[in-house]
N, C-alpha and C. Protein backbone atom coordinates (compact mmCIF):
# COMPACT_ATOMS: atom_id res chain seq x y z
N UNK A 1 0.78 -1.33 0.00
CA UNK A 1 -0.13 0.03 0.05
C UNK A 1 0.91 1.12 0.00
N UNK A 2 0.57 2.17 -0.83
CA UNK A 2 1.60 3.43 -0.83
C UNK A 2 1.29 4.07 0.27
N UNK A 3 2.03 4.93 0.73
CA UNK A 3 2.50 5.83 1.72
C UNK A 3 1.53 7.08 1.43
N UNK A 4 0.95 7.55 2.51
CA UNK A 4 0.02 8.74 2.47
C UNK A 4 1.00 9.93 3.59
N UNK A 5 1.09 11.14 2.92
CA UNK A 5 1.76 12.12 3.68
C UNK A 5 1.04 13.21 3.36
N UNK A 6 0.50 13.85 4.27
CA UNK A 6 -0.16 15.21 4.33
C UNK A 6 0.82 16.32 4.76
N UNK A 7 0.84 17.27 3.64
CA UNK A 7 1.87 18.14 3.72
C UNK A 7 1.21 19.66 3.71
N UNK A 8 2.05 20.55 4.73
CA UNK A 8 1.34 21.89 5.14
C UNK A 8 2.46 23.01 4.61
N UNK A 9 2.25 23.88 3.87
CA UNK A 9 2.98 24.97 3.91
C UNK A 9 2.48 26.37 4.18
N UNK A 10 3.09 27.06 5.15
CA UNK A 10 2.56 28.26 5.45
C UNK A 10 3.49 29.53 5.92
N UNK A 11 4.55 29.40 5.11
CA UNK A 11 5.85 30.02 5.52
C UNK A 11 5.64 31.50 4.92
N UNK A 12 5.16 31.70 3.88
CA UNK A 12 4.79 33.20 3.52
C UNK A 12 3.51 33.64 3.55
N UNK A 13 2.95 34.38 2.67
CA UNK A 13 1.72 34.81 2.39
C UNK A 13 0.61 33.86 1.84
N UNK A 14 1.39 32.72 1.04
CA UNK A 14 0.53 31.92 0.49
C UNK A 14 0.47 30.68 1.58
N UNK A 15 -0.82 30.20 1.44
CA UNK A 15 -1.22 28.85 2.22
C UNK A 15 -1.38 27.78 1.24
N UNK A 16 -0.78 26.59 1.55
CA UNK A 16 -0.92 25.56 0.54
C UNK A 16 -0.87 24.24 1.37
N UNK A 17 -1.66 23.33 0.79
CA UNK A 17 -1.73 21.90 1.38
C UNK A 17 -1.66 20.97 0.36
N UNK A 18 -1.09 19.50 0.64
CA UNK A 18 -1.04 18.71 -0.53
C UNK A 18 -1.27 17.22 0.21
N UNK A 19 -1.64 16.24 -0.34
CA UNK A 19 -1.68 14.98 0.06
C UNK A 19 -1.10 14.09 -0.94
N UNK A 20 -0.21 13.16 -0.59
CA UNK A 20 0.52 12.16 -1.36
C UNK A 20 -0.04 10.87 -1.32
N UNK A 21 -0.11 10.22 -2.36
CA UNK A 21 -0.30 8.64 -2.80
C UNK A 21 1.00 8.13 -3.50
N UNK A 22 1.94 7.74 -2.42
CA UNK A 22 3.27 7.12 -2.93
C UNK A 22 4.10 8.37 -3.64
N UNK A 23 4.23 8.01 -5.12
CA UNK A 23 5.16 9.18 -5.68
C UNK A 23 4.03 10.15 -6.27
N UNK A 24 3.05 10.27 -6.05
CA UNK A 24 2.21 11.27 -6.83
C UNK A 24 1.58 11.86 -5.88
N UNK A 25 1.21 13.43 -6.33
CA UNK A 25 0.01 14.14 -5.48
C UNK A 25 -1.30 13.75 -5.97
N UNK A 26 -2.17 13.49 -4.84
CA UNK A 26 -3.48 13.08 -5.30
C UNK A 26 -4.59 14.16 -5.05
N UNK A 27 -4.10 15.24 -3.99
CA UNK A 27 -5.23 16.14 -3.77
C UNK A 27 -4.20 17.61 -3.34
N UNK A 28 -4.67 18.44 -3.54
CA UNK A 28 -4.00 19.85 -3.04
C UNK A 28 -4.70 21.21 -3.21
N UNK A 29 -4.50 22.03 -2.22
CA UNK A 29 -5.14 22.96 -2.07
C UNK A 29 -4.13 24.22 -2.22
N UNK A 30 -4.48 25.64 -2.87
CA UNK A 30 -3.34 26.72 -2.68
C UNK A 30 -4.32 28.13 -2.74
N UNK A 31 -4.00 29.06 -1.62
CA UNK A 31 -4.55 30.30 -1.69
C UNK A 31 -3.28 31.26 -1.33
N UNK A 32 -3.29 32.14 -2.26
CA UNK A 32 -1.95 33.26 -2.11
C UNK A 32 -2.63 34.57 -1.70
N UNK A 33 -3.84 34.33 -1.17
CA UNK A 33 -4.31 35.79 -0.24
C UNK A 33 -3.80 35.72 0.92
N UNK A 34 -2.88 36.99 1.41
CA UNK A 34 -2.23 37.15 2.60
C UNK A 34 -3.33 37.11 3.78
N UNK A 35 -2.56 36.71 4.81
CA UNK A 35 -3.51 36.77 6.23
C UNK A 35 -4.67 35.66 6.28
N UNK A 36 -4.68 34.42 5.35
CA UNK A 36 -5.79 33.89 5.43
C UNK A 36 -5.35 32.31 5.89
N UNK A 37 -4.01 32.19 6.53
CA UNK A 37 -3.99 30.95 7.11
C UNK A 37 -4.89 30.41 7.84
N UNK A 38 -5.02 31.17 8.80
CA UNK A 38 -5.88 30.65 10.36
C UNK A 38 -7.01 30.41 9.73
N UNK A 39 -7.52 30.88 8.71
CA UNK A 39 -9.14 30.51 8.32
C UNK A 39 -9.17 29.48 7.24
N UNK A 40 -8.21 29.22 6.44
CA UNK A 40 -8.28 28.44 5.20
C UNK A 40 -7.88 27.12 5.44
N UNK A 41 -6.73 27.09 6.44
CA UNK A 41 -5.69 25.84 6.40
C UNK A 41 -6.49 24.46 6.92
N UNK A 42 -7.58 24.81 7.80
CA UNK A 42 -8.10 23.54 8.54
C UNK A 42 -9.27 22.82 7.32
N UNK A 43 -9.94 24.05 6.82
CA UNK A 43 -10.99 23.67 5.59
C UNK A 43 -10.27 23.01 4.38
N UNK A 44 -8.89 23.39 4.03
CA UNK A 44 -8.15 22.93 3.01
C UNK A 44 -7.75 21.52 3.47
N UNK A 45 -7.26 21.13 4.72
CA UNK A 45 -6.90 20.01 5.11
C UNK A 45 -8.18 18.95 5.21
N UNK A 46 -9.37 19.49 5.47
CA UNK A 46 -10.62 18.50 5.28
C UNK A 46 -10.73 18.23 3.79
N UNK A 47 -10.69 19.14 3.30
CA UNK A 47 -10.88 19.05 1.73
C UNK A 47 -10.04 17.83 0.92
N UNK A 48 -8.83 18.11 1.10
CA UNK A 48 -7.71 17.14 0.40
C UNK A 48 -7.84 15.64 1.02
N UNK A 49 -8.20 15.35 2.36
CA UNK A 49 -8.57 14.37 2.98
C UNK A 49 -9.84 13.71 2.50
N UNK A 50 -10.96 14.46 2.51
CA UNK A 50 -12.05 13.88 1.81
C UNK A 50 -12.04 13.58 0.51
N UNK A 51 -11.29 14.22 -0.27
CA UNK A 51 -11.04 14.08 -1.71
C UNK A 51 -10.29 12.64 -2.01
N UNK A 52 -9.50 12.39 -1.10
CA UNK A 52 -8.92 11.06 -1.03
C UNK A 52 -9.61 10.04 -0.31
N UNK A 53 -10.65 10.18 0.30
CA UNK A 53 -11.42 9.11 1.29
C UNK A 53 -10.73 8.66 2.29
N UNK A 54 -9.92 9.63 2.93
CA UNK A 54 -9.34 9.02 4.14
C UNK A 54 -9.53 9.87 5.18
N UNK A 55 -9.17 9.50 6.33
CA UNK A 55 -9.08 10.61 7.62
C UNK A 55 -7.57 10.47 8.09
N UNK A 56 -7.51 11.31 9.06
CA UNK A 56 -5.96 11.50 9.71
C UNK A 56 -5.42 10.23 10.17
N UNK A 57 -6.17 9.48 10.52
CA UNK A 57 -5.80 8.00 10.94
C UNK A 57 -5.36 7.21 9.90
N UNK A 58 -5.69 7.53 8.66
CA UNK A 58 -4.98 6.72 7.48
C UNK A 58 -3.77 7.38 6.95
N UNK A 59 -3.27 8.61 7.67
CA UNK A 59 -1.75 8.92 7.11
C UNK A 59 -0.97 8.16 7.55
N UNK A 60 0.31 8.31 7.00
CA UNK A 60 1.53 7.54 7.42
C UNK A 60 2.29 8.71 8.26
N UNK A 61 2.20 9.88 7.92
CA UNK A 61 3.03 10.98 8.40
C UNK A 61 2.54 12.33 7.88
N UNK A 62 2.94 13.42 8.83
CA UNK A 62 2.38 14.74 8.50
C UNK A 62 3.77 15.64 8.19
N UNK A 63 4.02 16.21 7.26
CA UNK A 63 5.17 17.08 6.81
C UNK A 63 4.64 18.52 7.13
N UNK A 64 5.47 19.35 7.57
CA UNK A 64 5.24 20.77 7.47
C UNK A 64 6.47 21.49 7.02
N UNK A 65 6.38 22.96 6.50
CA UNK A 65 7.37 23.66 5.96
C UNK A 65 7.86 24.11 7.39
N UNK A 66 9.30 24.01 7.66
CA UNK A 66 9.84 24.54 8.93
C UNK A 66 10.47 25.87 9.29
N UNK A 67 10.48 26.61 8.11
CA UNK A 67 11.27 27.89 8.12
C UNK A 67 12.45 27.96 7.39
N UNK A 68 13.01 29.16 7.27
CA UNK A 68 12.85 30.48 7.64
C UNK A 68 11.43 31.11 6.92
N UNK A 69 10.74 32.01 7.73
CA UNK A 69 9.68 32.59 7.00
C UNK A 69 8.80 33.45 7.82
N UNK A 70 7.65 33.74 7.45
CA UNK A 70 6.76 34.62 8.58
C UNK A 70 6.62 33.63 9.80
N UNK A 71 6.76 34.62 10.79
CA UNK A 71 6.66 34.23 12.40
C UNK A 71 5.20 33.60 12.13
N UNK A 72 4.34 34.51 12.03
CA UNK A 72 2.93 34.05 12.25
C UNK A 72 2.50 32.95 11.41
N UNK A 73 2.92 32.77 10.29
CA UNK A 73 2.57 31.85 9.16
C UNK A 73 3.03 30.30 9.57
N UNK A 74 4.53 30.39 9.92
CA UNK A 74 4.96 29.32 10.57
C UNK A 74 4.22 28.96 11.78
N UNK A 75 3.87 29.41 12.88
CA UNK A 75 3.25 29.09 13.90
C UNK A 75 1.88 28.64 13.66
N UNK A 76 1.12 28.96 12.87
CA UNK A 76 -0.14 28.31 12.16
C UNK A 76 0.15 26.87 11.58
N UNK A 77 1.07 27.04 10.72
CA UNK A 77 1.30 25.60 10.12
C UNK A 77 1.96 24.62 11.12
N UNK A 78 2.93 24.94 11.93
CA UNK A 78 3.57 24.06 12.92
C UNK A 78 2.35 23.48 14.05
N UNK A 79 1.67 24.60 14.30
CA UNK A 79 0.79 24.26 15.68
C UNK A 79 -0.11 23.06 14.92
N UNK A 80 -0.79 23.45 13.65
CA UNK A 80 -1.56 22.59 13.02
C UNK A 80 -1.18 21.01 12.92
N UNK A 81 -0.03 21.29 12.13
CA UNK A 81 0.82 19.93 12.07
C UNK A 81 0.86 19.02 13.38
N UNK A 82 1.25 19.63 14.36
CA UNK A 82 1.58 18.97 15.60
C UNK A 82 0.36 18.42 16.29
N UNK A 83 -0.96 19.13 15.97
CA UNK A 83 -2.04 18.81 16.55
C UNK A 83 -2.46 17.51 15.87
N UNK A 84 -2.33 17.54 14.63
CA UNK A 84 -2.99 16.08 13.84
C UNK A 84 -2.22 15.09 14.28
N UNK A 85 -0.74 15.62 14.37
CA UNK A 85 0.14 14.13 14.76
C UNK A 85 -0.18 13.95 16.33
N UNK A 86 -0.49 14.70 17.01
CA UNK A 86 -0.99 14.44 18.55
C UNK A 86 -2.36 13.51 18.58
N UNK A 87 -3.09 14.08 17.61
CA UNK A 87 -4.64 13.42 17.83
C UNK A 87 -4.77 11.91 16.99
N UNK A 88 -3.69 12.15 16.11
CA UNK A 88 -3.96 10.56 15.15
C UNK A 88 -2.93 9.68 15.69
N UNK A 89 -1.68 10.12 16.13
CA UNK A 89 -0.53 9.45 16.49
C UNK A 89 0.02 9.41 15.33
N UNK A 90 0.51 10.39 14.51
CA UNK A 90 1.32 10.15 13.48
C UNK A 90 2.57 10.80 13.52
N UNK A 91 3.86 10.34 12.87
CA UNK A 91 5.00 11.20 12.90
C UNK A 91 4.98 12.35 12.12
N UNK A 92 5.76 13.42 12.81
CA UNK A 92 6.04 14.65 12.07
C UNK A 92 7.32 14.83 11.48
N UNK A 93 7.27 15.44 10.34
CA UNK A 93 8.31 15.73 9.37
C UNK A 93 8.57 17.06 9.09
N UNK A 94 9.81 17.47 9.28
CA UNK A 94 10.26 19.20 9.21
C UNK A 94 10.81 19.30 7.86
N UNK A 95 10.47 20.01 6.92
CA UNK A 95 10.79 20.28 5.67
C UNK A 95 11.66 21.70 5.40
N UNK A 96 12.92 21.85 5.33
CA UNK A 96 13.31 23.32 4.96
C UNK A 96 12.64 24.18 3.87
N UNK A 97 12.26 25.11 4.23
CA UNK A 97 11.34 25.97 3.34
C UNK A 97 12.27 26.56 2.00
N UNK A 98 13.43 26.93 2.45
CA UNK A 98 14.36 27.15 1.10
C UNK A 98 14.42 25.69 0.59
N UNK A 99 14.74 24.58 0.85
CA UNK A 99 14.74 23.63 -0.29
C UNK A 99 13.32 23.39 -0.83
N UNK A 100 12.09 23.65 -0.18
CA UNK A 100 11.20 23.46 -1.17
C UNK A 100 11.18 24.31 -2.14
N UNK A 101 11.55 25.87 -2.08
CA UNK A 101 11.80 26.56 -3.21
C UNK A 101 12.86 25.84 -4.22
N UNK A 102 13.79 25.45 -4.02
CA UNK A 102 14.69 25.13 -4.80
C UNK A 102 14.32 23.88 -5.44
N UNK A 103 13.43 23.13 -5.10
CA UNK A 103 12.74 22.08 -5.60
C UNK A 103 11.60 22.37 -6.86
N UNK A 104 11.45 23.76 -6.68
CA UNK A 104 10.17 24.09 -7.65
C UNK A 104 11.09 24.97 -8.92
N UNK A 105 12.35 24.73 -8.82
CA UNK A 105 13.12 25.28 -9.86
C UNK A 105 12.97 24.44 -11.47
N UNK A 106 12.92 25.37 -12.29
CA UNK A 106 12.71 24.62 -13.64
C UNK A 106 13.37 25.43 -14.82
N UNK A 107 14.64 25.98 -14.30
CA UNK A 107 15.48 26.69 -15.34
C UNK A 107 16.76 26.13 -15.53
N UNK A 108 17.29 26.33 -16.94
CA UNK A 108 18.67 25.92 -17.19
C UNK A 108 19.66 26.74 -16.68
N UNK A 109 20.46 26.14 -15.53
CA UNK A 109 21.27 26.87 -14.55
C UNK A 109 22.17 25.95 -13.88
N UNK A 110 23.02 26.51 -13.27
CA UNK A 110 24.26 25.77 -12.58
C UNK A 110 24.09 25.60 -11.41
N UNK A 111 23.40 26.66 -10.40
CA UNK A 111 23.15 26.81 -9.23
C UNK A 111 21.79 27.48 -9.19
N UNK A 112 21.34 27.38 -7.52
CA UNK A 112 19.87 27.85 -7.36
C UNK A 112 20.37 28.54 -6.10
N UNK A 113 19.78 29.35 -5.67
CA UNK A 113 19.83 30.24 -4.60
C UNK A 113 18.16 30.72 -4.10
N UNK A 114 17.86 30.02 -3.26
CA UNK A 114 16.43 30.04 -2.65
C UNK A 114 16.40 31.16 -1.82
N UNK A 115 15.35 32.10 -1.90
CA UNK A 115 15.22 33.36 -1.00
C UNK A 115 14.02 33.58 -0.50
N UNK A 116 13.89 33.91 0.60
CA UNK A 116 12.39 34.29 1.19
C UNK A 116 12.65 35.86 1.74
N UNK A 117 11.65 36.66 1.23
CA UNK A 117 11.54 37.91 1.78
C UNK A 117 11.67 38.01 3.20
N UNK A 118 12.46 39.35 3.65
CA UNK A 118 12.29 39.56 4.98
C UNK A 118 12.21 41.07 5.02
N UNK A 119 12.65 41.89 5.91
CA UNK A 119 12.37 43.17 6.02
C UNK A 119 13.34 44.04 5.17
N UNK A 120 12.77 45.18 4.62
CA UNK A 120 13.51 45.96 3.89
C UNK A 120 14.33 45.18 2.60
N UNK A 121 15.58 45.53 2.63
CA UNK A 121 16.30 44.82 1.40
C UNK A 121 16.80 43.72 2.29
N UNK A 122 16.58 43.08 2.95
CA UNK A 122 17.06 41.67 3.48
C UNK A 122 16.08 40.42 2.99
N UNK A 123 16.90 39.45 2.75
CA UNK A 123 16.18 38.12 2.51
C UNK A 123 16.82 37.05 3.31
N UNK A 124 16.09 35.91 3.40
CA UNK A 124 16.91 34.88 4.02
C UNK A 124 16.80 33.85 2.90
N UNK A 125 18.58 33.16 2.81
CA UNK A 125 18.82 32.60 1.59
C UNK A 125 19.78 31.77 1.92
N UNK A 126 19.80 30.47 0.93
CA UNK A 126 20.78 29.42 0.78
C UNK A 126 20.78 29.15 -0.37
N UNK A 127 22.05 28.52 -0.87
CA UNK A 127 22.39 27.87 -2.28
C UNK A 127 22.01 26.49 -2.15
N UNK A 128 21.85 25.77 -3.47
CA UNK A 128 21.42 24.63 -3.45
C UNK A 128 21.87 24.01 -4.96
N UNK A 129 22.04 22.82 -5.17
CA UNK A 129 22.24 22.25 -6.38
C UNK A 129 21.17 21.99 -7.24
N UNK A 130 21.29 21.28 -8.44
CA UNK A 130 20.02 21.29 -9.10
C UNK A 130 19.29 20.10 -8.79
N UNK A 131 19.87 19.37 -7.79
CA UNK A 131 18.88 18.22 -7.48
C UNK A 131 18.29 18.80 -6.06
N UNK A 132 18.42 19.83 -5.54
CA UNK A 132 17.74 20.17 -4.09
C UNK A 132 18.56 20.06 -3.15
N UNK A 133 19.90 19.81 -3.34
CA UNK A 133 20.76 19.59 -2.38
C UNK A 133 21.49 20.81 -1.60
N UNK A 134 21.31 20.99 -0.53
CA UNK A 134 21.97 22.21 0.22
C UNK A 134 23.18 22.25 -0.04
N UNK A 135 23.95 23.29 -0.20
CA UNK A 135 25.24 23.56 -0.30
C UNK A 135 25.97 24.48 0.74
N UNK A 136 25.18 25.16 1.27
CA UNK A 136 25.53 26.15 2.22
C UNK A 136 24.58 26.34 3.62
N UNK A 137 24.96 27.01 4.61
CA UNK A 137 23.81 27.26 5.53
C UNK A 137 22.99 28.39 4.92
N UNK A 138 21.75 28.51 5.77
CA UNK A 138 20.72 29.47 5.45
C UNK A 138 21.36 31.02 6.41
N UNK A 139 21.26 31.81 5.80
CA UNK A 139 21.67 33.43 6.10
C UNK A 139 20.78 34.44 5.71
N UNK A 140 20.86 35.24 6.68
CA UNK A 140 20.10 36.50 6.56
C UNK A 140 21.00 37.54 5.74
N UNK A 141 20.88 37.84 4.45
CA UNK A 141 21.61 38.60 3.71
C UNK A 141 21.01 39.86 3.27
N UNK A 142 21.47 40.88 3.19
CA UNK A 142 21.32 42.41 3.37
C UNK A 142 21.61 42.67 1.76
N UNK A 143 20.69 42.37 0.65
CA UNK A 143 21.07 42.75 -0.49
C UNK A 143 21.77 44.19 -1.33
N UNK A 144 22.86 43.78 -1.81
CA UNK A 144 23.30 45.07 -2.58
C UNK A 144 23.73 44.75 -4.14
N UNK A 145 24.42 45.58 -4.67
CA UNK A 145 24.62 45.06 -6.19
C UNK A 145 25.95 44.06 -6.10
N UNK A 146 26.31 43.80 -5.12
CA UNK A 146 27.60 42.79 -5.16
C UNK A 146 27.12 41.39 -4.53
N UNK A 147 25.93 41.51 -3.94
CA UNK A 147 25.28 40.23 -3.49
C UNK A 147 25.46 38.92 -4.45
N UNK A 148 25.98 37.66 -3.60
CA UNK A 148 26.22 36.40 -4.55
C UNK A 148 27.15 36.60 -5.75
N UNK A 149 28.08 37.41 -5.71
CA UNK A 149 28.98 37.63 -6.53
C UNK A 149 29.79 36.39 -6.93
N UNK A 150 30.26 35.64 -6.04
CA UNK A 150 31.04 34.55 -6.07
C UNK A 150 30.12 33.72 -7.24
N UNK A 151 29.04 33.23 -6.63
CA UNK A 151 28.17 32.49 -7.32
C UNK A 151 27.67 32.70 -8.69
N UNK A 152 27.50 34.02 -9.07
CA UNK A 152 27.27 34.36 -10.19
C UNK A 152 28.31 34.64 -11.46
N UNK A 153 29.64 34.81 -10.96
CA UNK A 153 30.90 34.67 -11.56
C UNK A 153 31.16 33.18 -12.11
N UNK A 154 30.62 32.35 -11.47
CA UNK A 154 31.28 31.00 -11.39
C UNK A 154 29.97 30.31 -12.43
N UNK A 155 28.89 30.82 -12.65
CA UNK A 155 27.96 30.01 -13.60
C UNK A 155 26.72 30.89 -13.41
N UNK A 156 25.56 30.27 -14.27
CA UNK A 156 24.05 30.75 -14.15
C UNK A 156 23.64 30.51 -12.82
N UNK A 157 23.08 31.48 -12.20
CA UNK A 157 22.35 31.37 -10.89
C UNK A 157 20.74 31.37 -11.05
N UNK A 158 19.99 30.48 -10.74
CA UNK A 158 18.50 31.01 -10.61
C UNK A 158 18.22 31.49 -9.10
N UNK A 159 17.50 32.52 -9.05
CA UNK A 159 17.30 33.11 -7.80
C UNK A 159 15.73 33.02 -7.65
N UNK A 160 15.24 32.31 -6.78
CA UNK A 160 13.97 31.59 -6.85
C UNK A 160 13.27 32.10 -5.22
N UNK A 161 12.29 32.46 -5.07
CA UNK A 161 11.35 32.63 -4.20
C UNK A 161 10.47 33.89 -4.24
N UNK A 162 10.09 34.40 -2.83
CA UNK A 162 9.58 35.38 -2.47
C UNK A 162 10.44 36.69 -2.35
N UNK A 163 11.57 36.75 -2.19
CA UNK A 163 12.86 37.65 -2.42
C UNK A 163 13.52 38.27 -3.31
N UNK A 164 13.07 37.40 -4.41
CA UNK A 164 13.47 37.79 -5.93
C UNK A 164 13.67 39.15 -6.39
N UNK A 165 12.21 39.70 -6.07
CA UNK A 165 12.04 40.97 -7.03
C UNK A 165 12.62 42.00 -6.45
N UNK A 166 13.12 42.21 -5.37
CA UNK A 166 13.89 42.97 -4.92
C UNK A 166 15.35 42.86 -5.26
N UNK A 167 15.90 41.78 -5.41
CA UNK A 167 17.17 41.59 -5.74
C UNK A 167 17.00 41.96 -7.40
N UNK A 168 16.00 41.68 -8.05
CA UNK A 168 16.12 41.86 -9.62
C UNK A 168 16.17 43.09 -9.93
N UNK A 169 15.74 44.07 -9.14
CA UNK A 169 15.72 45.27 -9.18
C UNK A 169 17.23 46.24 -9.22
N UNK A 170 18.28 45.49 -8.51
CA UNK A 170 19.39 46.08 -8.34
C UNK A 170 20.80 45.12 -8.87
N UNK A 171 20.21 43.87 -9.29
CA UNK A 171 21.31 42.80 -9.87
C UNK A 171 21.32 43.04 -11.44
N UNK A 172 22.32 43.24 -11.84
CA UNK A 172 22.87 43.28 -13.67
C UNK A 172 23.34 42.05 -13.99
N UNK A 173 23.99 41.32 -13.15
CA UNK A 173 24.82 40.26 -13.58
C UNK A 173 24.27 39.41 -14.68
N UNK A 174 24.86 39.11 -15.95
CA UNK A 174 24.52 38.51 -17.00
C UNK A 174 24.05 37.08 -16.66
N UNK A 175 24.59 36.53 -15.60
CA UNK A 175 24.46 34.89 -15.17
C UNK A 175 23.21 34.92 -14.28
N UNK A 176 22.41 36.00 -13.97
CA UNK A 176 21.38 35.81 -12.85
C UNK A 176 20.13 35.64 -13.65
N UNK A 177 19.58 34.64 -13.28
CA UNK A 177 18.29 34.25 -13.64
C UNK A 177 16.88 34.41 -12.45
N UNK A 178 15.71 35.02 -12.70
CA UNK A 178 15.04 35.07 -11.41
C UNK A 178 13.50 34.45 -11.80
N UNK A 179 13.35 33.90 -10.64
CA UNK A 179 11.64 33.32 -10.81
C UNK A 179 11.16 33.66 -9.35
N UNK A 180 10.33 34.87 -9.49
CA UNK A 180 9.58 35.08 -8.16
C UNK A 180 8.34 33.91 -8.01
N UNK A 181 8.32 33.44 -6.99
CA UNK A 181 7.04 32.44 -6.53
C UNK A 181 6.98 32.13 -5.06
N UNK A 182 6.09 31.69 -4.66
CA UNK A 182 5.79 31.10 -3.31
C UNK A 182 6.27 29.52 -3.21
N UNK A 183 6.59 29.41 -1.75
CA UNK A 183 6.95 27.85 -1.77
C UNK A 183 5.66 27.02 -1.55
N UNK A 184 5.39 25.94 -2.43
CA UNK A 184 4.37 25.30 -2.20
C UNK A 184 4.30 23.82 -1.61
N UNK A 185 3.18 23.57 -1.08
CA UNK A 185 3.33 21.87 -0.32
C UNK A 185 3.43 20.89 -1.15
N UNK A 186 2.95 21.26 -2.63
CA UNK A 186 3.43 19.92 -3.89
C UNK A 186 4.68 19.80 -3.83
N UNK A 187 5.60 20.88 -3.53
CA UNK A 187 7.10 20.61 -3.78
C UNK A 187 7.87 20.12 -2.62
N UNK A 188 7.19 19.65 -1.44
CA UNK A 188 7.47 19.04 -0.39
C UNK A 188 7.80 17.27 -0.52
N UNK A 189 6.85 16.77 -1.68
CA UNK A 189 6.66 15.37 -1.81
C UNK A 189 8.12 14.47 -1.68
N UNK A 190 9.15 14.83 -2.31
CA UNK A 190 10.50 14.30 -2.54
C UNK A 190 11.19 14.34 -1.08
N UNK A 191 11.56 15.68 -0.42
CA UNK A 191 11.85 15.49 0.90
C UNK A 191 11.11 14.78 1.99
N UNK A 192 10.03 15.06 1.82
CA UNK A 192 8.91 14.46 2.69
C UNK A 192 9.18 12.80 2.68
N UNK A 193 9.11 12.23 1.51
CA UNK A 193 9.19 10.73 1.09
C UNK A 193 10.49 10.29 1.65
N UNK A 194 11.47 10.72 1.44
CA UNK A 194 12.82 10.43 2.09
C UNK A 194 12.88 10.58 3.19
N UNK A 195 12.45 11.39 4.11
CA UNK A 195 12.26 11.42 5.58
C UNK A 195 11.54 10.46 6.16
N UNK A 196 10.24 10.10 5.63
CA UNK A 196 9.38 8.97 5.92
C UNK A 196 10.41 7.61 6.05
N UNK A 197 10.97 7.39 4.73
CA UNK A 197 11.49 6.28 4.65
C UNK A 197 12.97 6.05 5.54
N UNK A 198 13.58 6.93 5.89
CA UNK A 198 14.53 6.81 6.79
C UNK A 198 14.24 7.12 8.12
N UNK A 199 12.88 7.65 8.31
CA UNK A 199 12.37 7.78 9.85
C UNK A 199 12.84 9.00 10.49
N UNK A 200 13.35 9.93 9.39
CA UNK A 200 13.74 11.30 10.26
C UNK A 200 12.67 12.16 10.66
N UNK A 201 12.13 11.62 11.67
CA UNK A 201 10.98 12.24 12.35
C UNK A 201 11.31 13.21 13.47
N UNK A 202 10.43 14.28 13.53
CA UNK A 202 10.82 15.31 14.74
C UNK A 202 10.13 14.99 15.92
N UNK A 203 10.33 15.55 17.33
CA UNK A 203 9.90 15.33 18.48
C UNK A 203 8.66 16.24 18.39
N UNK A 204 7.75 15.84 18.26
CA UNK A 204 6.15 16.48 18.01
C UNK A 204 6.18 17.49 19.41
N UNK A 205 6.43 16.90 20.63
CA UNK A 205 6.30 17.61 21.46
C UNK A 205 7.04 19.10 21.38
N UNK A 206 8.36 18.99 21.39
CA UNK A 206 9.49 20.01 21.49
C UNK A 206 9.84 20.58 20.10
N UNK A 207 9.22 20.14 18.83
CA UNK A 207 9.71 20.97 17.57
C UNK A 207 9.12 22.22 17.62
N UNK A 208 9.91 22.93 17.01
CA UNK A 208 9.49 24.43 17.06
C UNK A 208 10.03 25.05 15.63
N UNK A 209 9.19 25.91 14.84
CA UNK A 209 9.61 26.37 13.60
C UNK A 209 11.26 26.93 13.54
N UNK A 210 11.93 27.03 12.57
CA UNK A 210 13.24 27.54 12.37
C UNK A 210 13.03 28.99 11.84
N UNK A 211 13.07 30.08 12.77
CA UNK A 211 12.95 31.43 12.38
C UNK A 211 14.10 32.42 11.83
N UNK A 212 15.07 31.66 12.43
CA UNK A 212 16.34 32.27 11.76
C UNK A 212 16.73 33.39 12.81
N UNK A 213 15.75 34.61 12.79
CA UNK A 213 15.70 35.73 13.27
C UNK A 213 14.54 35.75 14.54
N UNK A 214 14.68 36.32 15.79
CA UNK A 214 13.77 36.06 16.69
C UNK A 214 12.42 37.32 16.43
N UNK A 215 11.46 36.74 16.54
CA UNK A 215 10.14 37.68 16.38
C UNK A 215 10.22 38.95 17.31
N UNK A 216 10.19 39.97 16.51
CA UNK A 216 10.12 41.52 17.31
C UNK A 216 8.67 42.02 17.13
N UNK A 217 8.01 42.06 18.18
CA UNK A 217 6.27 43.06 18.04
C UNK A 217 6.56 44.21 17.99
N UNK A 218 5.96 44.79 17.03
CA UNK A 218 5.73 46.00 17.07
C UNK A 218 5.28 46.99 18.17
N UNK A 219 5.68 48.20 18.39
CA UNK A 219 5.32 49.04 19.74
C UNK A 219 3.82 49.61 19.07
N UNK A 220 2.86 49.39 19.93
CA UNK A 220 1.60 50.24 19.76
C UNK A 220 1.73 51.67 19.78
N UNK A 221 0.93 52.42 18.67
CA UNK A 221 0.92 53.78 18.58
C UNK A 221 0.02 54.33 19.58
N UNK A 222 -0.78 53.45 20.42
CA UNK A 222 -1.88 53.87 21.24
C UNK A 222 -1.15 53.65 22.68
N UNK A 223 -1.60 54.62 23.41
CA UNK A 223 -0.89 55.03 24.73
C UNK A 223 -1.83 54.20 25.90
N UNK A 224 -1.06 53.54 26.55
CA UNK A 224 -1.69 52.34 27.54
C UNK A 224 -1.33 53.25 28.75
N UNK A 225 -2.55 53.77 29.55
CA UNK A 225 -2.24 54.03 30.52
C UNK A 225 -2.17 53.06 32.08
């Protein structure tokens, strides 16, 4: 019987879920409207399970995008995934958000740099080879005209993700390719299956998203007496 993995991606403005049946995606949902994660995630999860004719008890694992990304989005996705795992007694798999982006690459290039938008001219980024294997650590990068110069001088680089547009505005290197996009749950299939086969599970009780930077709450403009 094929393994069934429920996949959840909420690290950016986009909310997406997918359900696998072995090596294929049998159901998926995507919503790119910002700030809809809390209201849309539960209905989407029910819809994909109903479409496949199973309940959470029929899953083999739940996979969730673990960050970096939006603090609120990651909290919603991870807490939902942990709730399903606790309730159904299923293992939890965490997938690097930047790897999810790298696995969505479809350009003719020598290297991939996945990037998530952060504040101002900052992005969270990491390099990958064409198979989606990570080649370096995830870093917070303040973009300027010389960013990723070493990679670009070595060959064609595809920059992919939600941080691409602001880099495209300042990067003029001829080896730079750009693909703005959201990370999607459907792209989690390969690493999720590999983790399931190797039993690379997270501790459901203690697992936390990878924020890269600590969340800083804004100061209210309203005076509190």
